[in-house]
Amino acid sequence: MLPWGVIAYGAALSALLAVLLVALIGRERSPGVLLTTAAGAIAGPVAWNAILRATAANQFFVDAPIPVFPVSWQDTGSGVFTLAALAVLLGLGPLRTEPGRRLALVALLGCLGALLVDIYLY
């Protein structure tokens, strides 16, 4: 089970990579979008890992037997929760007037950041 310090560390790294991907690949420069992306990329992994801690769900921490992409159910859950958090926060916030395609792209880039951090960095 992940300790709270590791969860906080992972969430901070997720926010950093999510913002970098949104800024570099998504070409987003709006401070509101970037801050909201950081918030969603923190909230998603923290929420998912808090659920795993509360339920003592250790079986979610088994990596796939693919050396270059050792994703686990725990990693996947962090990505899914981050995608949901970003879609809601961005869709009700700074991207509410943008086309759905733009919202989906930014949310997916942020989700990718959280997923990659979860798989490879903690």
PDB file of N, CA and C in Angstrom:
ATOM      1  N   MET A   1       0.841  -1.180   0.000  1.00  0.00           N
ATOM      2  CA  MET A   1       0.000   0.000   0.000  1.00  0.00           C
ATOM      3  C   MET A   1       0.888   1.246   0.000  1.00  0.00           C
ATOM      4  N   LEU A   2       0.536   2.206  -0.793  1.00  0.00           N
ATOM      5  CA  LEU A   2       1.337   3.426  -0.895  1.00  0.00           C
ATOM      6  C   LEU A   2       1.127   4.321   0.321  1.00  0.00           C
ATOM      7  N   PRO A   3       2.217   4.803   0.924  1.00  0.00           N
ATOM      8  CA  PRO A   3       2.072   5.778   2.009  1.00  0.00           C
ATOM      9  C   PRO A   3       1.639   7.139   1.441  1.00  0.00           C
ATOM     10  N   TRP A   4       1.082   7.977   2.296  1.00  0.00           N
ATOM     11  CA  TRP A   4       0.580   9.283   1.852  1.00  0.00           C
ATOM     12  C   TRP A   4       1.670  10.143   1.224  1.00  0.00           C
ATOM     13  N   GLY A   5       2.882  10.045   1.736  1.00  0.00           N
ATOM     14  CA  GLY A   5       3.982  10.827   1.158  1.00  0.00           C
ATOM     15  C   GLY A   5       4.265  10.445  -0.283  1.00  0.00           C
ATOM     16  N   VAL A   6       4.215   9.156  -0.573  1.00  0.00           N
ATOM     17  CA  VAL A   6       4.434   8.685  -1.944  1.00  0.00           C
ATOM     18  C   VAL A   6       3.270   9.110  -2.843  1.00  0.00           C
ATOM     19  N   ILE A   7       2.065   9.060  -2.307  1.00  0.00           N
ATOM     20  CA  ILE A   7       0.899   9.507  -3.078  1.00  0.00           C
ATOM     21  C   ILE A   7       1.028  10.988  -3.419  1.00  0.00           C
ATOM     22  N   ALA A   8       1.436  11.799  -2.450  1.00  0.00           N
ATOM     23  CA  ALA A   8       1.603  13.240  -2.685  1.00  0.00           C
ATOM     24  C   ALA A   8       2.717  13.505  -3.698  1.00  0.00           C
ATOM     25  N   TYR A   9       3.824  12.765  -3.574  1.00  0.00           N
ATOM     26  CA  TYR A   9       4.945  12.891  -4.512  1.00  0.00           C
ATOM     27  C   TYR A   9       4.495  12.541  -5.930  1.00  0.00           C
ATOM     28  N   GLY A  10       3.797  11.437  -6.075  1.00  0.00           N
ATOM     29  CA  GLY A  10       3.303  11.016  -7.385  1.00  0.00           C
ATOM     30  C   GLY A  10       2.322  12.008  -7.972  1.00  0.00           C
ATOM     31  N   ALA A  11       1.449  12.550  -7.142  1.00  0.00           N
ATOM     32  CA  ALA A  11       0.469  13.530  -7.623  1.00  0.00           C
ATOM     33  C   ALA A  11       1.161  14.811  -8.088  1.00  0.00           C
ATOM     34  N   ALA A  12       2.181  15.229  -7.357  1.00  0.00           N
ATOM     35  CA  ALA A  12       2.926  16.433  -7.760  1.00  0.00           C
ATOM     36  C   ALA A  12       3.635  16.214  -9.099  1.00  0.00           C
ATOM     37  N   LEU A  13       4.270  15.045  -9.254  1.00  0.00           N
ATOM     38  CA  LEU A  13       4.916  14.740 -10.529  1.00  0.00           C
ATOM     39  C   LEU A  13       3.890  14.628 -11.660  1.00  0.00           C
ATOM     40  N   SER A  14       2.731  14.058 -11.357  1.00  0.00           N
ATOM     41  CA  SER A  14       1.657  13.950 -12.354  1.00  0.00           C
ATOM     42  C   SER A  14       1.228  15.325 -12.826  1.00  0.00           C
ATOM     43  N   ALA A  15       1.067  16.247 -11.887  1.00  0.00           N
ATOM     44  CA  ALA A  15       0.666  17.607 -12.242  1.00  0.00           C
ATOM     45  C   ALA A  15       1.715  18.265 -13.124  1.00  0.00           C
ATOM     46  N   LEU A  16       2.971  18.083 -12.772  1.00  0.00           N
ATOM     47  CA  LEU A  16       4.056  18.682 -13.553  1.00  0.00           C
ATOM     48  C   LEU A  16       4.080  18.154 -14.983  1.00  0.00           C
ATOM     49  N   LEU A  17       4.032  16.831 -15.144  1.00  0.00           N
ATOM     50  CA  LEU A  17       4.076  16.268 -16.495  1.00  0.00           C
ATOM     51  C   LEU A  17       2.803  16.593 -17.273  1.00  0.00           C
ATOM     52  N   ALA A  18       1.661  16.585 -16.600  1.00  0.00           N
ATOM     53  CA  ALA A  18       0.404  16.924 -17.279  1.00  0.00           C
ATOM     54  C   ALA A  18       0.454  18.343 -17.826  1.00  0.00           C
ATOM     55  N   VAL A  19       0.920  19.278 -17.024  1.00  0.00           N
ATOM     56  CA  VAL A  19       1.017  20.675 -17.473  1.00  0.00           C
ATOM     57  C   VAL A  19       2.019  20.799 -18.625  1.00  0.00           C
ATOM     58  N   LEU A  20       3.129  20.100 -18.527  1.00  0.00           N
ATOM     59  CA  LEU A  20       4.119  20.146 -19.619  1.00  0.00           C
ATOM     60  C   LEU A  20       3.533  19.602 -20.925  1.00  0.00           C
ATOM     61  N   LEU A  21       2.819  18.488 -20.866  1.00  0.00           N
ATOM     62  CA  LEU A  21       2.225  17.927 -22.079  1.00  0.00           C
ATOM     63  C   LEU A  21       1.160  18.846 -22.662  1.00  0.00           C
ATOM     64  N   VAL A  22       0.341  19.419 -21.797  1.00  0.00           N
ATOM     65  CA  VAL A  22      -0.717  20.334 -22.267  1.00  0.00           C
ATOM     66  C   VAL A  22      -0.097  21.584 -22.880  1.00  0.00           C
ATOM     67  N   ALA A  23       0.969  22.081 -22.278  1.00  0.00           N
ATOM     68  CA  ALA A  23       1.617  23.289 -22.798  1.00  0.00           C
ATOM     69  C   ALA A  23       2.389  23.008 -24.089  1.00  0.00           C
ATOM     70  N   LEU A  24       3.115  21.906 -24.122  1.00  0.00           N
ATOM     71  CA  LEU A  24       3.975  21.634 -25.278  1.00  0.00           C
ATOM     72  C   LEU A  24       3.231  20.991 -26.445  1.00  0.00           C
ATOM     73  N   ILE A  25       2.490  19.951 -26.186  1.00  0.00           N
ATOM     74  CA  ILE A  25       1.792  19.258 -27.267  1.00  0.00           C
ATOM     75  C   ILE A  25       0.445  19.918 -27.561  1.00  0.00           C
ATOM     76  N   GLY A  26      -0.264  20.287 -26.497  1.00  0.00           N
ATOM     77  CA  GLY A  26      -1.569  20.936 -26.682  1.00  0.00           C
ATOM     78  C   GLY A  26      -1.466  22.412 -27.004  1.00  0.00           C
ATOM     79  N   ARG A  27      -0.272  22.956 -26.893  1.00  0.00           N
ATOM     80  CA  ARG A  27      -0.012  24.382 -27.179  1.00  0.00           C
ATOM     81  C   ARG A  27      -0.940  25.315 -26.408  1.00  0.00           C
ATOM     82  N   GLU A  28      -1.190  24.944 -25.185  1.00  0.00           N
ATOM     83  CA  GLU A  28      -2.062  25.750 -24.330  1.00  0.00           C
ATOM     84  C   GLU A  28      -1.202  26.709 -23.526  1.00  0.00           C
ATOM     85  N   ARG A  29      -1.590  27.970 -23.497  1.00  0.00           N
ATOM     86  CA  ARG A  29      -0.830  28.988 -22.774  1.00  0.00           C
ATOM     87  C   ARG A  29      -1.654  29.666 -21.681  1.00  0.00           C
ATOM     88  N   SER A  30      -2.928  29.432 -21.642  1.00  0.00           N
ATOM     89  CA  SER A  30      -3.794  30.080 -20.667  1.00  0.00           C
ATOM     90  C   SER A  30      -3.456  29.624 -19.248  1.00  0.00           C
ATOM     91  N   PRO A  31      -3.136  30.574 -18.360  1.00  0.00           N
ATOM     92  CA  PRO A  31      -2.839  30.186 -16.974  1.00  0.00           C
ATOM     93  C   PRO A  31      -3.999  29.445 -16.315  1.00  0.00           C
ATOM     94  N   GLY A  32      -5.217  29.825 -16.638  1.00  0.00           N
ATOM     95  CA  GLY A  32      -6.379  29.146 -16.056  1.00  0.00           C
ATOM     96  C   GLY A  32      -6.442  27.680 -16.448  1.00  0.00           C
ATOM     97  N   VAL A  33      -6.175  27.404 -17.710  1.00  0.00           N
ATOM     98  CA  VAL A  33      -6.190  26.014 -18.186  1.00  0.00           C
ATOM     99  C   VAL A  33      -5.033  25.236 -17.567  1.00  0.00           C
ATOM    100  N   LEU A  34      -3.863  25.831 -17.518  1.00  0.00           N
ATOM    101  CA  LEU A  34      -2.705  25.131 -16.969  1.00  0.00           C
ATOM    102  C   LEU A  34      -2.861  24.869 -15.472  1.00  0.00           C
ATOM    103  N   LEU A  35      -3.369  25.821 -14.737  1.00  0.00           N
ATOM    104  CA  LEU A  35      -3.601  25.617 -13.297  1.00  0.00           C
ATOM    105  C   LEU A  35      -4.692  24.579 -13.056  1.00  0.00           C
ATOM    106  N   THR A  36      -5.735  24.616 -13.871  1.00  0.00           N
ATOM    107  CA  THR A  36      -6.805  23.629 -13.735  1.00  0.00           C
ATOM    108  C   THR A  36      -6.303  22.243 -14.098  1.00  0.00           C
ATOM    109  N   THR A  37      -5.441  22.160 -15.095  1.00  0.00           N
ATOM    110  CA  THR A  37      -4.833  20.880 -15.456  1.00  0.00           C
ATOM    111  C   THR A  37      -4.013  20.345 -14.288  1.00  0.00           C
ATOM    112  N   ALA A  38      -3.241  21.193 -13.660  1.00  0.00           N
ATOM    113  CA  ALA A  38      -2.451  20.769 -12.502  1.00  0.00           C
ATOM    114  C   ALA A  38      -3.366  20.275 -11.380  1.00  0.00           C
ATOM    115  N   ALA A  39      -4.444  20.991 -11.125  1.00  0.00           N
ATOM    116  CA  ALA A  39      -5.371  20.601 -10.060  1.00  0.00           C
ATOM    117  C   ALA A  39      -6.006  19.243 -10.351  1.00  0.00           C
ATOM    118  N   GLY A  40      -6.442  19.037 -11.574  1.00  0.00           N
ATOM    119  CA  GLY A  40      -7.053  17.760 -11.943  1.00  0.00           C
ATOM    120  C   GLY A  40      -6.066  16.611 -11.906  1.00  0.00           C
ATOM    121  N   ALA A  41      -4.815  16.893 -12.303  1.00  0.00           N
ATOM    122  CA  ALA A  41      -3.782  15.858 -12.315  1.00  0.00           C
ATOM    123  C   ALA A  41      -3.294  15.528 -10.906  1.00  0.00           C
ATOM    124  N   ILE A  42      -3.602  16.374  -9.958  1.00  0.00           N
ATOM    125  CA  ILE A  42      -3.351  16.062  -8.549  1.00  0.00           C
ATOM    126  C   ILE A  42      -4.552  15.326  -7.973  1.00  0.00           C
ATOM    127  N   ALA A  43      -5.735  15.839  -8.237  1.00  0.00           N
ATOM    128  CA  ALA A  43      -6.957  15.281  -7.648  1.00  0.00           C
ATOM    129  C   ALA A  43      -7.221  13.838  -8.068  1.00  0.00           C
ATOM    130  N   GLY A  44      -7.015  13.520  -9.335  1.00  0.00           N
ATOM    131  CA  GLY A  44      -7.317  12.177  -9.822  1.00  0.00           C
ATOM    132  C   GLY A  44      -6.509  11.092  -9.134  1.00  0.00           C
ATOM    133  N   PRO A  45      -5.179  11.164  -9.179  1.00  0.00           N
ATOM    134  CA  PRO A  45      -4.379  10.132  -8.513  1.00  0.00           C
ATOM    135  C   PRO A  45      -4.577  10.085  -6.995  1.00  0.00           C
ATOM    136  N   VAL A  46      -4.738  11.246  -6.370  1.00  0.00           N
ATOM    137  CA  VAL A  46      -4.949  11.249  -4.920  1.00  0.00           C
ATOM    138  C   VAL A  46      -6.272  10.558  -4.585  1.00  0.00           C
ATOM    139  N   ALA A  47      -7.330  10.866  -5.319  1.00  0.00           N
ATOM    140  CA  ALA A  47      -8.630  10.241  -5.054  1.00  0.00           C
ATOM    141  C   ALA A  47      -8.561   8.726  -5.241  1.00  0.00           C
ATOM    142  N   TRP A  48      -7.986   8.278  -6.345  1.00  0.00           N
ATOM    143  CA  TRP A  48      -7.898   6.849  -6.626  1.00  0.00           C
ATOM    144  C   TRP A  48      -7.047   6.129  -5.580  1.00  0.00           C
ATOM    145  N   ASN A  49      -5.892   6.676  -5.259  1.00  0.00           N
ATOM    146  CA  ASN A  49      -5.030   6.025  -4.277  1.00  0.00           C
ATOM    147  C   ASN A  49      -5.610   6.070  -2.872  1.00  0.00           C
ATOM    148  N   ALA A  50      -6.390   7.094  -2.566  1.00  0.00           N
ATOM    149  CA  ALA A  50      -7.085   7.132  -1.270  1.00  0.00           C
ATOM    150  C   ALA A  50      -8.115   6.005  -1.182  1.00  0.00           C
ATOM    151  N   ILE A  51      -8.805   5.742  -2.286  1.00  0.00           N
ATOM    152  CA  ILE A  51      -9.762   4.633  -2.317  1.00  0.00           C
ATOM    153  C   ILE A  51      -9.035   3.304  -2.116  1.00  0.00           C
ATOM    154  N   LEU A  52      -7.910   3.131  -2.812  1.00  0.00           N
ATOM    155  CA  LEU A  52      -7.146   1.888  -2.657  1.00  0.00           C
ATOM    156  C   LEU A  52      -6.632   1.719  -1.226  1.00  0.00           C
ATOM    157  N   ARG A  53      -6.200   2.802  -0.609  1.00  0.00           N
ATOM    158  CA  ARG A  53      -5.747   2.733   0.796  1.00  0.00           C
ATOM    159  C   ARG A  53      -6.903   2.385   1.719  1.00  0.00           C
ATOM    160  N   ALA A  54      -8.040   3.031   1.527  1.00  0.00           N
ATOM    161  CA  ALA A  54      -9.185   2.820   2.420  1.00  0.00           C
ATOM    162  C   ALA A  54      -9.725   1.396   2.335  1.00  0.00           C
ATOM    163  N   THR A  55      -9.584   0.777   1.183  1.00  0.00           N
ATOM    164  CA  THR A  55     -10.105  -0.581   0.993  1.00  0.00           C
ATOM    165  C   THR A  55      -9.024  -1.653   1.078  1.00  0.00           C
ATOM    166  N   ALA A  56      -7.777  -1.254   1.349  1.00  0.00           N
ATOM    167  CA  ALA A  56      -6.643  -2.178   1.422  1.00  0.00           C
ATOM    168  C   ALA A  56      -6.582  -3.066   0.180  1.00  0.00           C
ATOM    169  N   ALA A  57      -6.702  -2.446  -0.984  1.00  0.00           N
ATOM    170  CA  ALA A  57      -6.771  -3.166  -2.259  1.00  0.00           C
ATOM    171  C   ALA A  57      -5.377  -3.384  -2.843  1.00  0.00           C
ATOM    172  N   ASN A  58      -4.600  -4.211  -2.212  1.00  0.00           N
ATOM    173  CA  ASN A  58      -3.223  -4.466  -2.651  1.00  0.00           C
ATOM    174  C   ASN A  58      -3.135  -5.173  -3.994  1.00  0.00           C
ATOM    175  N   GLN A  59      -4.142  -5.920  -4.369  1.00  0.00           N
ATOM    176  CA  GLN A  59      -4.090  -6.689  -5.616  1.00  0.00           C
ATOM    177  C   GLN A  59      -4.085  -5.792  -6.855  1.00  0.00           C
ATOM    178  N   PHE A  60      -4.335  -4.517  -6.713  1.00  0.00           N
ATOM    179  CA  PHE A  60      -4.314  -3.592  -7.847  1.00  0.00           C
ATOM    180  C   PHE A  60      -2.894  -3.192  -8.240  1.00  0.00           C
ATOM    181  N   PHE A  61      -1.909  -3.553  -7.438  1.00  0.00           N
ATOM    182  CA  PHE A  61      -0.526  -3.116  -7.645  1.00  0.00           C
ATOM    183  C   PHE A  61       0.321  -4.152  -8.378  1.00  0.00           C
ATOM    184  N   VAL A  62      -0.276  -4.932  -9.255  1.00  0.00           N
ATOM    185  CA  VAL A  62       0.447  -5.958 -10.009  1.00  0.00           C
ATOM    186  C   VAL A  62       0.676  -5.448 -11.425  1.00  0.00           C
ATOM    187  N   ASP A  63       1.940  -5.324 -11.798  1.00  0.00           N
ATOM    188  CA  ASP A  63       2.281  -4.807 -13.122  1.00  0.00           C
ATOM    189  C   ASP A  63       2.035  -5.849 -14.210  1.00  0.00           C
ATOM    190  N   ALA A  64       1.677  -5.363 -15.382  1.00  0.00           N
ATOM    191  CA  ALA A  64       1.544  -6.237 -16.547  1.00  0.00           C
ATOM    192  C   ALA A  64       2.923  -6.773 -16.920  1.00  0.00           C
ATOM    193  N   PRO A  65       2.994  -7.993 -17.437  1.00  0.00           N
ATOM    194  CA  PRO A  65       4.296  -8.575 -17.779  1.00  0.00           C
ATOM    195  C   PRO A  65       4.843  -8.077 -19.124  1.00  0.00           C
ATOM    196  N   ILE A  66       4.787  -6.778 -19.311  1.00  0.00           N
ATOM    197  CA  ILE A  66       5.287  -6.160 -20.540  1.00  0.00           C
ATOM    198  C   ILE A  66       6.403  -5.199 -20.114  1.00  0.00           C
ATOM    199  N   PRO A  67       7.653  -5.582 -20.320  1.00  0.00           N
ATOM    200  CA  PRO A  67       8.762  -4.785 -19.785  1.00  0.00           C
ATOM    201  C   PRO A  67       8.748  -3.304 -20.177  1.00  0.00           C
ATOM    202  N   VAL A  68       8.359  -2.969 -21.393  1.00  0.00           N
ATOM    203  CA  VAL A  68       8.405  -1.569 -21.815  1.00  0.00           C
ATOM    204  C   VAL A  68       7.169  -0.783 -21.376  1.00  0.00           C
ATOM    205  N   PHE A  69       6.116  -1.477 -20.977  1.00  0.00           N
ATOM    206  CA  PHE A  69       4.882  -0.805 -20.548  1.00  0.00           C
ATOM    207  C   PHE A  69       4.245  -1.603 -19.408  1.00  0.00           C
ATOM    208  N   PRO A  70       4.869  -1.570 -18.222  1.00  0.00           N
ATOM    209  CA  PRO A  70       4.399  -2.380 -17.104  1.00  0.00           C
ATOM    210  C   PRO A  70       3.218  -1.765 -16.347  1.00  0.00           C
ATOM    211  N   VAL A  71       2.151  -1.482 -17.034  1.00  0.00           N
ATOM    212  CA  VAL A  71       0.977  -0.840 -16.441  1.00  0.00           C
ATOM    213  C   VAL A  71       0.264  -1.810 -15.491  1.00  0.00           C
ATOM    214  N   SER A  72      -0.259  -1.273 -14.403  1.00  0.00           N
ATOM    215  CA  SER A  72      -1.036  -2.068 -13.449  1.00  0.00           C
ATOM    216  C   SER A  72      -2.446  -1.498 -13.371  1.00  0.00           C
ATOM    217  N   TRP A  73      -3.323  -2.207 -12.669  1.00  0.00           N
ATOM    218  CA  TRP A  73      -4.679  -1.694 -12.465  1.00  0.00           C
ATOM    219  C   TRP A  73      -4.634  -0.398 -11.652  1.00  0.00           C
ATOM    220  N   GLN A  74      -3.699  -0.309 -10.742  1.00  0.00           N
ATOM    221  CA  GLN A  74      -3.545   0.911  -9.958  1.00  0.00           C
ATOM    222  C   GLN A  74      -3.173   2.085 -10.855  1.00  0.00           C
ATOM    223  N   ASP A  75      -2.246   1.866 -11.784  1.00  0.00           N
ATOM    224  CA  ASP A  75      -1.849   2.908 -12.732  1.00  0.00           C
ATOM    225  C   ASP A  75      -3.037   3.329 -13.594  1.00  0.00           C
ATOM    226  N   THR A  76      -3.759   2.335 -14.085  1.00  0.00           N
ATOM    227  CA  THR A  76      -4.912   2.604 -14.945  1.00  0.00           C
ATOM    228  C   THR A  76      -5.966   3.417 -14.207  1.00  0.00           C
ATOM    229  N   GLY A  77      -6.213   3.060 -12.960  1.00  0.00           N
ATOM    230  CA  GLY A  77      -7.186   3.806 -12.159  1.00  0.00           C
ATOM    231  C   GLY A  77      -6.790   5.259 -11.983  1.00  0.00           C
ATOM    232  N   SER A  78      -5.511   5.513 -11.774  1.00  0.00           N
ATOM    233  CA  SER A  78      -5.043   6.902 -11.663  1.00  0.00           C
ATOM    234  C   SER A  78      -5.321   7.666 -12.953  1.00  0.00           C
ATOM    235  N   GLY A  79      -5.062   7.017 -14.091  1.00  0.00           N
ATOM    236  CA  GLY A  79      -5.335   7.666 -15.376  1.00  0.00           C
ATOM    237  C   GLY A  79      -6.811   7.945 -15.576  1.00  0.00           C
ATOM    238  N   VAL A  80      -7.653   6.982 -15.252  1.00  0.00           N
ATOM    239  CA  VAL A  80      -9.103   7.141 -15.429  1.00  0.00           C
ATOM    240  C   VAL A  80      -9.635   8.242 -14.514  1.00  0.00           C
ATOM    241  N   PHE A  81      -9.222   8.232 -13.264  1.00  0.00           N
ATOM    242  CA  PHE A  81      -9.688   9.266 -12.334  1.00  0.00           C
ATOM    243  C   PHE A  81      -9.196  10.646 -12.753  1.00  0.00           C
ATOM    244  N   THR A  82      -7.966  10.716 -13.278  1.00  0.00           N
ATOM    245  CA  THR A  82      -7.440  11.996 -13.750  1.00  0.00           C
ATOM    246  C   THR A  82      -8.215  12.489 -14.963  1.00  0.00           C
ATOM    247  N   LEU A  83      -8.515  11.595 -15.889  1.00  0.00           N
ATOM    248  CA  LEU A  83      -9.309  11.983 -17.061  1.00  0.00           C
ATOM    249  C   LEU A  83     -10.668  12.521 -16.634  1.00  0.00           C
ATOM    250  N   ALA A  84     -11.319  11.840 -15.712  1.00  0.00           N
ATOM    251  CA  ALA A  84     -12.626  12.295 -15.232  1.00  0.00           C
ATOM    252  C   ALA A  84     -12.524  13.661 -14.544  1.00  0.00           C
ATOM    253  N   ALA A  85     -11.523  13.807 -13.676  1.00  0.00           N
ATOM    254  CA  ALA A  85     -11.350  15.081 -12.969  1.00  0.00           C
ATOM    255  C   ALA A  85     -11.085  16.217 -13.950  1.00  0.00           C
ATOM    256  N   LEU A  86     -10.213  15.968 -14.924  1.00  0.00           N
ATOM    257  CA  LEU A  86      -9.894  17.017 -15.892  1.00  0.00           C
ATOM    258  C   LEU A  86     -11.082  17.363 -16.779  1.00  0.00           C
ATOM    259  N   ALA A  87     -11.833  16.373 -17.211  1.00  0.00           N
ATOM    260  CA  ALA A  87     -12.999  16.644 -18.050  1.00  0.00           C
ATOM    261  C   ALA A  87     -14.007  17.517 -17.312  1.00  0.00           C
ATOM    262  N   VAL A  88     -14.236  17.214 -16.052  1.00  0.00           N
ATOM    263  CA  VAL A  88     -15.201  18.002 -15.267  1.00  0.00           C
ATOM    264  C   VAL A  88     -14.651  19.395 -14.969  1.00  0.00           C
ATOM    265  N   LEU A  89     -13.425  19.459 -14.442  1.00  0.00           N
ATOM    266  CA  LEU A  89     -12.865  20.756 -14.060  1.00  0.00           C
ATOM    267  C   LEU A  89     -12.673  21.689 -15.256  1.00  0.00           C
ATOM    268  N   LEU A  90     -12.123  21.159 -16.337  1.00  0.00           N
ATOM    269  CA  LEU A  90     -11.909  21.992 -17.525  1.00  0.00           C
ATOM    270  C   LEU A  90     -13.220  22.307 -18.229  1.00  0.00           C
ATOM    271  N   GLY A  91     -14.111  21.334 -18.285  1.00  0.00           N
ATOM    272  CA  GLY A  91     -15.386  21.520 -18.987  1.00  0.00           C
ATOM    273  C   GLY A  91     -16.321  22.496 -18.293  1.00  0.00           C
ATOM    274  N   LEU A  92     -16.258  22.541 -16.970  1.00  0.00           N
ATOM    275  CA  LEU A  92     -17.070  23.511 -16.231  1.00  0.00           C
ATOM    276  C   LEU A  92     -16.308  24.801 -15.969  1.00  0.00           C
ATOM    277  N   GLY A  93     -15.012  24.768 -16.222  1.00  0.00           N
ATOM    278  CA  GLY A  93     -14.164  25.922 -15.947  1.00  0.00           C
ATOM    279  C   GLY A  93     -13.653  26.594 -17.202  1.00  0.00           C
ATOM    280  N   PRO A  94     -12.343  26.661 -17.351  1.00  0.00           N
ATOM    281  CA  PRO A  94     -11.760  27.502 -18.398  1.00  0.00           C
ATOM    282  C   PRO A  94     -12.039  27.078 -19.838  1.00  0.00           C
ATOM    283  N   LEU A  95     -12.402  25.833 -20.083  1.00  0.00           N
ATOM    284  CA  LEU A  95     -12.676  25.402 -21.465  1.00  0.00           C
ATOM    285  C   LEU A  95     -14.171  25.216 -21.732  1.00  0.00           C
ATOM    286  N   ARG A  96     -15.017  25.799 -20.908  1.00  0.00           N
ATOM    287  CA  ARG A  96     -16.470  25.590 -21.048  1.00  0.00           C
ATOM    288  C   ARG A  96     -17.026  26.108 -22.374  1.00  0.00           C
ATOM    289  N   THR A  97     -16.383  27.083 -22.997  1.00  0.00           N
ATOM    290  CA  THR A  97     -16.887  27.606 -24.268  1.00  0.00           C
ATOM    291  C   THR A  97     -16.146  27.034 -25.484  1.00  0.00           C
ATOM    292  N   GLU A  98     -15.164  26.189 -25.224  1.00  0.00           N
ATOM    293  CA  GLU A  98     -14.386  25.592 -26.315  1.00  0.00           C
ATOM    294  C   GLU A  98     -15.118  24.379 -26.893  1.00  0.00           C
ATOM    295  N   PRO A  99     -14.789  23.995 -28.110  1.00  0.00           N
ATOM    296  CA  PRO A  99     -15.373  22.776 -28.682  1.00  0.00           C
ATOM    297  C   PRO A  99     -14.981  21.541 -27.862  1.00  0.00           C
ATOM    298  N   GLY A 100     -15.830  20.540 -27.882  1.00  0.00           N
ATOM    299  CA  GLY A 100     -15.567  19.308 -27.147  1.00  0.00           C
ATOM    300  C   GLY A 100     -14.262  18.649 -27.538  1.00  0.00           C
ATOM    301  N   ARG A 101     -13.889  18.773 -28.794  1.00  0.00           N
ATOM    302  CA  ARG A 101     -12.626  18.194 -29.276  1.00  0.00           C
ATOM    303  C   ARG A 101     -11.439  18.799 -28.533  1.00  0.00           C
ATOM    304  N   ARG A 102     -11.473  20.097 -28.306  1.00  0.00           N
ATOM    305  CA  ARG A 102     -10.386  20.774 -27.586  1.00  0.00           C
ATOM    306  C   ARG A 102     -10.348  20.319 -26.127  1.00  0.00           C
ATOM    307  N   LEU A 103     -11.513  20.259 -25.507  1.00  0.00           N
ATOM    308  CA  LEU A 103     -11.601  19.797 -24.123  1.00  0.00           C
ATOM    309  C   LEU A 103     -11.067  18.377 -23.999  1.00  0.00           C
ATOM    310  N   ALA A 104     -11.474  17.499 -24.914  1.00  0.00           N
ATOM    311  CA  ALA A 104     -11.027  16.106 -24.876  1.00  0.00           C
ATOM    312  C   ALA A 104      -9.519  16.011 -25.046  1.00  0.00           C
ATOM    313  N   LEU A 105      -8.936  16.775 -25.960  1.00  0.00           N
ATOM    314  CA  LEU A 105      -7.495  16.738 -26.192  1.00  0.00           C
ATOM    315  C   LEU A 105      -6.728  17.164 -24.947  1.00  0.00           C
ATOM    316  N   VAL A 106      -7.128  18.267 -24.350  1.00  0.00           N
ATOM    317  CA  VAL A 106      -6.429  18.759 -23.162  1.00  0.00           C
ATOM    318  C   VAL A 106      -6.581  17.764 -22.014  1.00  0.00           C
ATOM    319  N   ALA A 107      -7.779  17.236 -21.810  1.00  0.00           N
ATOM    320  CA  ALA A 107      -8.003  16.261 -20.734  1.00  0.00           C
ATOM    321  C   ALA A 107      -7.188  14.985 -20.972  1.00  0.00           C
ATOM    322  N   LEU A 108      -7.139  14.520 -22.209  1.00  0.00           N
ATOM    323  CA  LEU A 108      -6.364  13.311 -22.519  1.00  0.00           C
ATOM    324  C   LEU A 108      -4.860  13.522 -22.337  1.00  0.00           C
ATOM    325  N   LEU A 109      -4.362  14.686 -22.711  1.00  0.00           N
ATOM    326  CA  LEU A 109      -2.940  14.969 -22.504  1.00  0.00           C
ATOM    327  C   LEU A 109      -2.603  15.004 -21.012  1.00  0.00           C
ATOM    328  N   GLY A 110      -3.464  15.622 -20.233  1.00  0.00           N
ATOM    329  CA  GLY A 110      -3.257  15.641 -18.789  1.00  0.00           C
ATOM    330  C   GLY A 110      -3.332  14.251 -18.190  1.00  0.00           C
ATOM    331  N   CYS A 111      -4.266  13.464 -18.665  1.00  0.00           N
ATOM    332  CA  CYS A 111      -4.411  12.080 -18.219  1.00  0.00           C
ATOM    333  C   CYS A 111      -3.172  11.267 -18.574  1.00  0.00           C
ATOM    334  N   LEU A 112      -2.648  11.459 -19.758  1.00  0.00           N
ATOM    335  CA  LEU A 112      -1.451  10.748 -20.191  1.00  0.00           C
ATOM    336  C   LEU A 112      -0.274  11.058 -19.265  1.00  0.00           C
ATOM    337  N   GLY A 113      -0.161  12.315 -18.879  1.00  0.00           N
ATOM    338  CA  GLY A 113       0.900  12.692 -17.947  1.00  0.00           C
ATOM    339  C   GLY A 113       0.796  11.941 -16.634  1.00  0.00           C
ATOM    340  N   ALA A 114      -0.395  11.889 -16.067  1.00  0.00           N
ATOM    341  CA  ALA A 114      -0.597  11.181 -14.801  1.00  0.00           C
ATOM    342  C   ALA A 114      -0.351   9.684 -14.960  1.00  0.00           C
ATOM    343  N   LEU A 115      -0.801   9.107 -16.049  1.00  0.00           N
ATOM    344  CA  LEU A 115      -0.623   7.673 -16.282  1.00  0.00           C
ATOM    345  C   LEU A 115       0.857   7.328 -16.419  1.00  0.00           C
ATOM    346  N   LEU A 116       1.600   8.095 -17.199  1.00  0.00           N
ATOM    347  CA  LEU A 116       3.024   7.812 -17.398  1.00  0.00           C
ATOM    348  C   LEU A 116       3.823   7.953 -16.107  1.00  0.00           C
ATOM    349  N   VAL A 117       3.514   8.960 -15.324  1.00  0.00           N
ATOM    350  CA  VAL A 117       4.188   9.118 -14.031  1.00  0.00           C
ATOM    351  C   VAL A 117       3.879   7.916 -13.148  1.00  0.00           C
ATOM    352  N   ASP A 118       2.628   7.515 -13.118  1.00  0.00           N
ATOM    353  CA  ASP A 118       2.233   6.391 -12.282  1.00  0.00           C
ATOM    354  C   ASP A 118       2.926   5.104 -12.694  1.00  0.00           C
ATOM    355  N   ILE A 119       3.040   4.871 -13.982  1.00  0.00           N
ATOM    356  CA  ILE A 119       3.667   3.637 -14.464  1.00  0.00           C
ATOM    357  C   ILE A 119       5.168   3.617 -14.185  1.00  0.00           C
ATOM    358  N   TYR A 120       5.842   4.718 -14.483  1.00  0.00           N
ATOM    359  CA  TYR A 120       7.304   4.689 -14.494  1.00  0.00           C
ATOM    360  C   TYR A 120       7.999   5.337 -13.301  1.00  0.00           C
ATOM    361  N   LEU A 121       7.315   6.187 -12.548  1.00  0.00           N
ATOM    362  CA  LEU A 121       8.038   6.931 -11.511  1.00  0.00           C
ATOM    363  C   LEU A 121       7.633   6.626 -10.079  1.00  0.00           C
ATOM    364  N   TYR A 122       6.558   5.866  -9.880  1.00  0.00           N
ATOM    365  CA  TYR A 122       6.270   5.431  -8.499  1.00  0.00           C
ATOM    366  C   TYR A 122       5.349   4.260  -8.484  1.00  0.00           C
TER     367      TYR A 122
END
